[in-house]
Amino acid sequence: MPLHVPPAPAPALRSVLAALGSPTAVREVLTPALRALQGPLTAELPLPVHVLDRLQFLPSAAGRPPRTRLTGWRFLIRGGDRFVAAADTRLTADGWVFSHFFEGPYVAATERALRQAESLGKNYQPRLLSVPELYMLTLWLHEGVGADPSAGLPAAADLLVPLAPAPPGIAAYRPHPVSELLPVLTHRLTPQNRPSPQGPPVPPSMAAPAA
């Protein structure tokens, strides 16, 4: 069944289109594919990016439902017959603005996970859910297809699909009910199990601050 991709805020889309139309903006970013492409570029598949609140993993939060925060909207950038990059936007006091372009494995991983989700036989509203402390990004398949994409919490029956690269021991592209995956993440993020501060650098998809 087709996914119910939510419409992005109009100012967010306009800011990305303006950046795509700016030779300076495209030339100065570290995205070789965008600089090398000849021909039109389009912004497609807007997805709200939520962050799983770090407060969820404090001992005082035991037993509470998960908490998330909207940190931006992401668009996949198509050049010709493939997606070559992504564009992130962020909310400021003046509204939604363009943040940055980026390439890397999460572009192809997001496309693959979306295509896989279409074959699940159930309607979902796709979102992205980031767990910065684990350097982890998931496709969040929300059952409330008509819900406000900027709000709402992961329901127990919602699905989370880890994108590649996924943390060790968590299979990429395998759909997990929130009720099953969240306890695993909670265990990983207890103080004695958290990744070392010397771990891999935060990828562009995790760039939103988790404060």
C-alpha atoms as a PDB file:
ATOM      1  CA  MET A   1       0.000   0.000   0.000  1.00  0.00           C
ATOM      2  CA  PRO A   2       1.235   3.510  -0.644  1.00  0.00           C
ATOM      3  CA  LEU A   3       2.641   5.427   2.287  1.00  0.00           C
ATOM      4  CA  HIS A   4       0.888   8.618   3.314  1.00  0.00           C
ATOM      5  CA  VAL A   5       3.824  11.027   2.999  1.00  0.00           C
ATOM      6  CA  PRO A   6       2.832  14.173   4.919  1.00  0.00           C
ATOM      7  CA  PRO A   7       3.076  17.575   3.236  1.00  0.00           C
ATOM      8  CA  ALA A   8       5.984  19.653   4.470  1.00  0.00           C
ATOM      9  CA  PRO A   9       5.476  23.223   5.662  1.00  0.00           C
ATOM     10  CA  ALA A  10       5.441  25.437   2.557  1.00  0.00           C
ATOM     11  CA  PRO A  11       8.275  27.688   3.828  1.00  0.00           C
ATOM     12  CA  ALA A  12      10.497  24.636   4.376  1.00  0.00           C
ATOM     13  CA  LEU A  13       9.974  23.472   0.799  1.00  0.00           C
ATOM     14  CA  ARG A  14      10.502  26.979  -0.563  1.00  0.00           C
ATOM     15  CA  SER A  15      13.782  27.313   1.321  1.00  0.00           C
ATOM     16  CA  VAL A  16      15.095  24.059  -0.171  1.00  0.00           C
ATOM     17  CA  LEU A  17      14.004  24.992  -3.691  1.00  0.00           C
ATOM     18  CA  ALA A  18      15.682  28.381  -3.296  1.00  0.00           C
ATOM     19  CA  ALA A  19      18.905  26.681  -2.211  1.00  0.00           C
ATOM     20  CA  LEU A  20      18.734  24.261  -5.166  1.00  0.00           C
ATOM     21  CA  GLY A  21      18.295  27.235  -7.474  1.00  0.00           C
ATOM     22  CA  SER A  22      21.291  29.052  -6.028  1.00  0.00           C
ATOM     23  CA  PRO A  23      24.586  28.192  -7.781  1.00  0.00           C
ATOM     24  CA  THR A  24      26.452  29.519  -4.766  1.00  0.00           C
ATOM     25  CA  ALA A  25      24.581  27.324  -2.282  1.00  0.00           C
ATOM     26  CA  VAL A  26      25.109  24.174  -4.347  1.00  0.00           C
ATOM     27  CA  ARG A  27      28.737  24.945  -5.229  1.00  0.00           C
ATOM     28  CA  GLU A  28      29.840  25.580  -1.652  1.00  0.00           C
ATOM     29  CA  VAL A  29      28.450  22.419  -0.074  1.00  0.00           C
ATOM     30  CA  LEU A  30      30.472  19.234   0.262  1.00  0.00           C
ATOM     31  CA  THR A  31      28.166  17.224  -1.967  1.00  0.00           C
ATOM     32  CA  PRO A  32      30.042  16.258  -5.150  1.00  0.00           C
ATOM     33  CA  ALA A  33      26.966  14.683  -6.729  1.00  0.00           C
ATOM     34  CA  LEU A  34      25.027  17.939  -6.573  1.00  0.00           C
ATOM     35  CA  ARG A  35      27.919  19.931  -7.998  1.00  0.00           C
ATOM     36  CA  ALA A  36      28.517  17.450 -10.806  1.00  0.00           C
ATOM     37  CA  LEU A  37      24.934  16.961 -11.968  1.00  0.00           C
ATOM     38  CA  GLN A  38      23.688  18.702 -15.057  1.00  0.00           C
ATOM     39  CA  GLY A  39      19.962  19.204 -15.344  1.00  0.00           C
ATOM     40  CA  PRO A  40      17.088  19.889 -12.970  1.00  0.00           C
ATOM     41  CA  LEU A  41      17.067  18.846  -9.337  1.00  0.00           C
ATOM     42  CA  THR A  42      13.848  18.241  -7.417  1.00  0.00           C
ATOM     43  CA  ALA A  43      13.028  17.973  -3.711  1.00  0.00           C
ATOM     44  CA  GLU A  44      10.819  14.971  -2.969  1.00  0.00           C
ATOM     45  CA  LEU A  45       9.562  12.720  -0.154  1.00  0.00           C
ATOM     46  CA  PRO A  46       9.502  15.252   2.697  1.00  0.00           C
ATOM     47  CA  LEU A  47       9.891  13.570   6.065  1.00  0.00           C
ATOM     48  CA  PRO A  48       9.623  15.152   9.519  1.00  0.00           C
ATOM     49  CA  VAL A  49      12.719  14.428  11.610  1.00  0.00           C
ATOM     50  CA  HIS A  50      12.050  13.680  15.269  1.00  0.00           C
ATOM     51  CA  VAL A  51      14.606  13.031  18.006  1.00  0.00           C
ATOM     52  CA  LEU A  52      14.000  10.546  20.798  1.00  0.00           C
ATOM     53  CA  ASP A  53      14.391  12.637  23.933  1.00  0.00           C
ATOM     54  CA  ARG A  54      17.401  11.751  26.036  1.00  0.00           C
ATOM     55  CA  LEU A  55      15.256  12.300  29.147  1.00  0.00           C
ATOM     56  CA  GLN A  56      13.488   9.096  28.186  1.00  0.00           C
ATOM     57  CA  PHE A  57      16.575   7.149  29.276  1.00  0.00           C
ATOM     58  CA  LEU A  58      17.117   8.712  32.691  1.00  0.00           C
ATOM     59  CA  PRO A  59      16.325   6.456  35.693  1.00  0.00           C
ATOM     60  CA  SER A  60      13.587   8.878  36.748  1.00  0.00           C
ATOM     61  CA  ALA A  61      11.815   8.258  33.431  1.00  0.00           C
ATOM     62  CA  ALA A  62      11.337   4.532  33.985  1.00  0.00           C
ATOM     63  CA  GLY A  63       7.895   3.432  32.887  1.00  0.00           C
ATOM     64  CA  ARG A  64       7.026   6.654  31.126  1.00  0.00           C
ATOM     65  CA  PRO A  65       5.954   6.697  27.466  1.00  0.00           C
ATOM     66  CA  PRO A  66       8.586   7.740  24.910  1.00  0.00           C
ATOM     67  CA  ARG A  67       9.053  11.438  24.215  1.00  0.00           C
ATOM     68  CA  THR A  68      10.121  12.919  20.903  1.00  0.00           C
ATOM     69  CA  ARG A  69      10.875  16.379  19.534  1.00  0.00           C
ATOM     70  CA  LEU A  70      10.519  17.632  15.969  1.00  0.00           C
ATOM     71  CA  THR A  71      13.883  19.049  14.869  1.00  0.00           C
ATOM     72  CA  GLY A  72      13.425  19.554  11.127  1.00  0.00           C
ATOM     73  CA  TRP A  73      12.137  18.374   7.771  1.00  0.00           C
ATOM     74  CA  ARG A  74      14.229  16.373   5.345  1.00  0.00           C
ATOM     75  CA  PHE A  75      13.809  16.205   1.574  1.00  0.00           C
ATOM     76  CA  LEU A  76      15.425  13.684  -0.763  1.00  0.00           C
ATOM     77  CA  ILE A  77      16.981  15.419  -3.759  1.00  0.00           C
ATOM     78  CA  ARG A  78      16.442  13.743  -7.104  1.00  0.00           C
ATOM     79  CA  GLY A  79      18.688  14.245 -10.081  1.00  0.00           C
ATOM     80  CA  GLY A  80      17.528  12.352 -13.148  1.00  0.00           C
ATOM     81  CA  ASP A  81      16.375   8.851 -12.191  1.00  0.00           C
ATOM     82  CA  ARG A  82      17.936   8.634  -8.728  1.00  0.00           C
ATOM     83  CA  PHE A  83      18.234  10.355  -5.394  1.00  0.00           C
ATOM     84  CA  VAL A  84      21.669  11.882  -5.051  1.00  0.00           C
ATOM     85  CA  ALA A  85      21.508  13.869  -1.810  1.00  0.00           C
ATOM     86  CA  ALA A  86      19.227  15.151   0.921  1.00  0.00           C
ATOM     87  CA  ALA A  87      18.376  18.591   2.251  1.00  0.00           C
ATOM     88  CA  ASP A  88      17.566  19.429   5.839  1.00  0.00           C
ATOM     89  CA  THR A  89      15.588  22.396   7.109  1.00  0.00           C
ATOM     90  CA  ARG A  90      15.287  23.749  10.641  1.00  0.00           C
ATOM     91  CA  LEU A  91      12.862  25.903  12.533  1.00  0.00           C
ATOM     92  CA  THR A  92      13.999  29.363  13.646  1.00  0.00           C
ATOM     93  CA  ALA A  93      12.279  32.310  15.254  1.00  0.00           C
ATOM     94  CA  ASP A  94      11.493  33.502  11.726  1.00  0.00           C
ATOM     95  CA  GLY A  95      10.098  30.169  10.553  1.00  0.00           C
ATOM     96  CA  TRP A  96      11.447  27.260   8.547  1.00  0.00           C
ATOM     97  CA  VAL A  97      14.789  27.829   6.810  1.00  0.00           C
ATOM     98  CA  PHE A  98      17.190  25.752   4.750  1.00  0.00           C
ATOM     99  CA  SER A  99      19.944  24.140   6.847  1.00  0.00           C
ATOM    100  CA  HIS A 100      22.271  22.057   4.646  1.00  0.00           C
ATOM    101  CA  PHE A 101      22.658  19.497   1.872  1.00  0.00           C
ATOM    102  CA  PHE A 102      24.400  16.190   2.475  1.00  0.00           C
ATOM    103  CA  GLU A 103      25.202  12.877   0.839  1.00  0.00           C
ATOM    104  CA  GLY A 104      26.144   9.563   2.376  1.00  0.00           C
ATOM    105  CA  PRO A 105      24.633   6.170   3.185  1.00  0.00           C
ATOM    106  CA  TYR A 106      21.448   7.463   4.798  1.00  0.00           C
ATOM    107  CA  VAL A 107      20.186   8.821   1.462  1.00  0.00           C
ATOM    108  CA  ALA A 108      20.082   5.392  -0.181  1.00  0.00           C
ATOM    109  CA  ALA A 109      19.061   3.750   3.100  1.00  0.00           C
ATOM    110  CA  THR A 110      16.041   6.027   3.463  1.00  0.00           C
ATOM    111  CA  GLU A 111      14.913   5.322  -0.099  1.00  0.00           C
ATOM    112  CA  ARG A 112      15.305   1.569   0.414  1.00  0.00           C
ATOM    113  CA  ALA A 113      13.391   1.588   3.702  1.00  0.00           C
ATOM    114  CA  LEU A 114      10.549   3.609   2.173  1.00  0.00           C
ATOM    115  CA  ARG A 115      10.210   1.174  -0.702  1.00  0.00           C
ATOM    116  CA  GLN A 116      10.248  -1.740   1.712  1.00  0.00           C
ATOM    117  CA  ALA A 117       7.564  -0.106   3.850  1.00  0.00           C
ATOM    118  CA  GLU A 118       5.261   0.182   0.847  1.00  0.00           C
ATOM    119  CA  SER A 119       5.159  -3.619   0.640  1.00  0.00           C
ATOM    120  CA  LEU A 120       4.067  -4.183   4.252  1.00  0.00           C
ATOM    121  CA  GLY A 121       0.380  -4.174   3.348  1.00  0.00           C
ATOM    122  CA  LYS A 122      -0.639  -1.501   5.803  1.00  0.00           C
ATOM    123  CA  ASN A 123      -1.015   2.278   5.654  1.00  0.00           C
ATOM    124  CA  TYR A 124       1.528   4.330   7.569  1.00  0.00           C
ATOM    125  CA  GLN A 125       2.683   7.912   7.824  1.00  0.00           C
ATOM    126  CA  PRO A 126       6.477   7.844   7.375  1.00  0.00           C
ATOM    127  CA  ARG A 127       8.723   9.904   9.628  1.00  0.00           C
ATOM    128  CA  LEU A 128      12.366   9.777  10.686  1.00  0.00           C
ATOM    129  CA  LEU A 129      13.329   9.134  14.296  1.00  0.00           C
ATOM    130  CA  SER A 130      16.879   9.827  15.445  1.00  0.00           C
ATOM    131  CA  VAL A 131      18.632   8.426  18.519  1.00  0.00           C
ATOM    132  CA  PRO A 132      21.770  10.595  18.602  1.00  0.00           C
ATOM    133  CA  GLU A 133      23.354   8.840  21.579  1.00  0.00           C
ATOM    134  CA  LEU A 134      23.478   5.614  19.547  1.00  0.00           C
ATOM    135  CA  TYR A 135      24.356   7.285  16.224  1.00  0.00           C
ATOM    136  CA  MET A 136      21.126   5.720  14.994  1.00  0.00           C
ATOM    137  CA  LEU A 137      18.459   6.786  12.513  1.00  0.00           C
ATOM    138  CA  THR A 138      15.216   4.900  11.917  1.00  0.00           C
ATOM    139  CA  LEU A 139      12.271   5.157   9.575  1.00  0.00           C
ATOM    140  CA  TRP A 140       9.311   5.632  11.921  1.00  0.00           C
ATOM    141  CA  LEU A 141       6.115   4.202  10.458  1.00  0.00           C
ATOM    142  CA  HIS A 142       3.285   5.887  12.353  1.00  0.00           C
ATOM    143  CA  GLU A 143      -0.150   4.274  12.274  1.00  0.00           C
ATOM    144  CA  GLY A 144      -1.942   7.608  12.477  1.00  0.00           C
ATOM    145  CA  VAL A 145      -1.798   8.424   8.780  1.00  0.00           C
ATOM    146  CA  GLY A 146      -3.807  11.625   9.240  1.00  0.00           C
ATOM    147  CA  ALA A 147      -1.942  12.801  12.335  1.00  0.00           C
ATOM    148  CA  ASP A 148      -0.080  16.077  12.594  1.00  0.00           C
ATOM    149  CA  PRO A 149       3.421  15.043  11.415  1.00  0.00           C
ATOM    150  CA  SER A 150       5.057  17.554  13.726  1.00  0.00           C
ATOM    151  CA  ALA A 151       3.539  16.029  16.866  1.00  0.00           C
ATOM    152  CA  GLY A 152       2.663  12.732  18.430  1.00  0.00           C
ATOM    153  CA  LEU A 153       4.527   9.973  20.214  1.00  0.00           C
ATOM    154  CA  PRO A 154       5.612   6.537  19.003  1.00  0.00           C
ATOM    155  CA  ALA A 155       2.725   4.194  19.681  1.00  0.00           C
ATOM    156  CA  ALA A 156       3.420   0.644  20.789  1.00  0.00           C
ATOM    157  CA  ALA A 157       2.225  -0.745  17.442  1.00  0.00           C
ATOM    158  CA  ASP A 158       4.138   1.738  15.318  1.00  0.00           C
ATOM    159  CA  LEU A 159       7.125   0.309  13.465  1.00  0.00           C
ATOM    160  CA  LEU A 160      10.729   1.472  13.599  1.00  0.00           C
ATOM    161  CA  VAL A 161      12.998   0.422  10.728  1.00  0.00           C
ATOM    162  CA  PRO A 162      16.702   0.997  11.537  1.00  0.00           C
ATOM    163  CA  LEU A 163      18.583   2.490   8.614  1.00  0.00           C
ATOM    164  CA  ALA A 164      22.036   1.353   7.603  1.00  0.00           C
ATOM    165  CA  PRO A 165      24.517   1.778   9.129  1.00  0.00           C
ATOM    166  CA  ALA A 166      22.750   0.574  12.266  1.00  0.00           C
ATOM    167  CA  PRO A 167      24.347   0.117  15.698  1.00  0.00           C
ATOM    168  CA  PRO A 168      26.046  -3.260  16.307  1.00  0.00           C
ATOM    169  CA  GLY A 169      23.534  -5.964  17.127  1.00  0.00           C
ATOM    170  CA  ILE A 170      20.568  -4.144  15.561  1.00  0.00           C
ATOM    171  CA  ALA A 171      19.598  -5.365  12.097  1.00  0.00           C
ATOM    172  CA  ALA A 172      19.148  -2.655   9.486  1.00  0.00           C
ATOM    173  CA  TYR A 173      15.903  -2.617   7.496  1.00  0.00           C
ATOM    174  CA  ARG A 174      14.131  -5.001   9.865  1.00  0.00           C
ATOM    175  CA  PRO A 175      10.775  -3.525  11.033  1.00  0.00           C
ATOM    176  CA  HIS A 176      10.463  -3.568  14.814  1.00  0.00           C
ATOM    177  CA  PRO A 177       7.329  -2.656  16.794  1.00  0.00           C
ATOM    178  CA  VAL A 178       8.115   0.246  19.106  1.00  0.00           C
ATOM    179  CA  SER A 179       7.126  -1.952  22.054  1.00  0.00           C
ATOM    180  CA  GLU A 180       9.980  -4.344  21.148  1.00  0.00           C
ATOM    181  CA  LEU A 181      12.744  -1.986  20.066  1.00  0.00           C
ATOM    182  CA  LEU A 182      12.353   0.714  22.698  1.00  0.00           C
ATOM    183  CA  PRO A 183      13.383  -1.576  25.599  1.00  0.00           C
ATOM    184  CA  VAL A 184      16.511  -2.525  23.632  1.00  0.00           C
ATOM    185  CA  LEU A 185      17.398   1.129  23.143  1.00  0.00           C
ATOM    186  CA  THR A 186      16.699   1.868  26.796  1.00  0.00           C
ATOM    187  CA  HIS A 187      19.115  -0.893  27.814  1.00  0.00           C
ATOM    188  CA  ARG A 188      21.759   0.368  25.397  1.00  0.00           C
ATOM    189  CA  LEU A 189      21.516   3.877  26.811  1.00  0.00           C
ATOM    190  CA  THR A 190      21.812   3.080  30.479  1.00  0.00           C
ATOM    191  CA  PRO A 191      25.073   4.615  31.793  1.00  0.00           C
ATOM    192  CA  GLN A 192      27.020   1.354  31.914  1.00  0.00           C
ATOM    193  CA  ASN A 193      26.010   0.384  28.375  1.00  0.00           C
ATOM    194  CA  ARG A 194      26.296   3.712  26.526  1.00  0.00           C
ATOM    195  CA  PRO A 195      28.740   3.951  23.600  1.00  0.00           C
ATOM    196  CA  SER A 196      32.137   5.437  24.275  1.00  0.00           C
ATOM    197  CA  PRO A 197      32.499   9.195  23.677  1.00  0.00           C
ATOM    198  CA  GLN A 198      35.300   8.198  21.320  1.00  0.00           C
ATOM    199  CA  GLY A 199      32.802   6.503  19.010  1.00  0.00           C
ATOM    200  CA  PRO A 200      32.171   7.446  15.378  1.00  0.00           C
ATOM    201  CA  PRO A 201      31.391  11.059  14.483  1.00  0.00           C
ATOM    202  CA  VAL A 202      27.769  12.094  14.358  1.00  0.00           C
ATOM    203  CA  PRO A 203      26.549  11.813  10.732  1.00  0.00           C
ATOM    204  CA  PRO A 204      24.555  14.602   9.065  1.00  0.00           C
ATOM    205  CA  SER A 205      21.287  12.858   9.905  1.00  0.00           C
ATOM    206  CA  MET A 206      22.105  13.190  13.597  1.00  0.00           C
ATOM    207  CA  ALA A 207      23.307  16.769  13.367  1.00  0.00           C
ATOM    208  CA  ALA A 208      20.321  18.239  15.198  1.00  0.00           C
ATOM    209  CA  PRO A 209      21.254  19.008  18.806  1.00  0.00           C
ATOM    210  CA  ALA A 210      19.695  16.750  21.382  1.00  0.00           C
ATOM    211  CA  ALA A 211      19.625  19.295  24.176  1.00  0.00           C
END
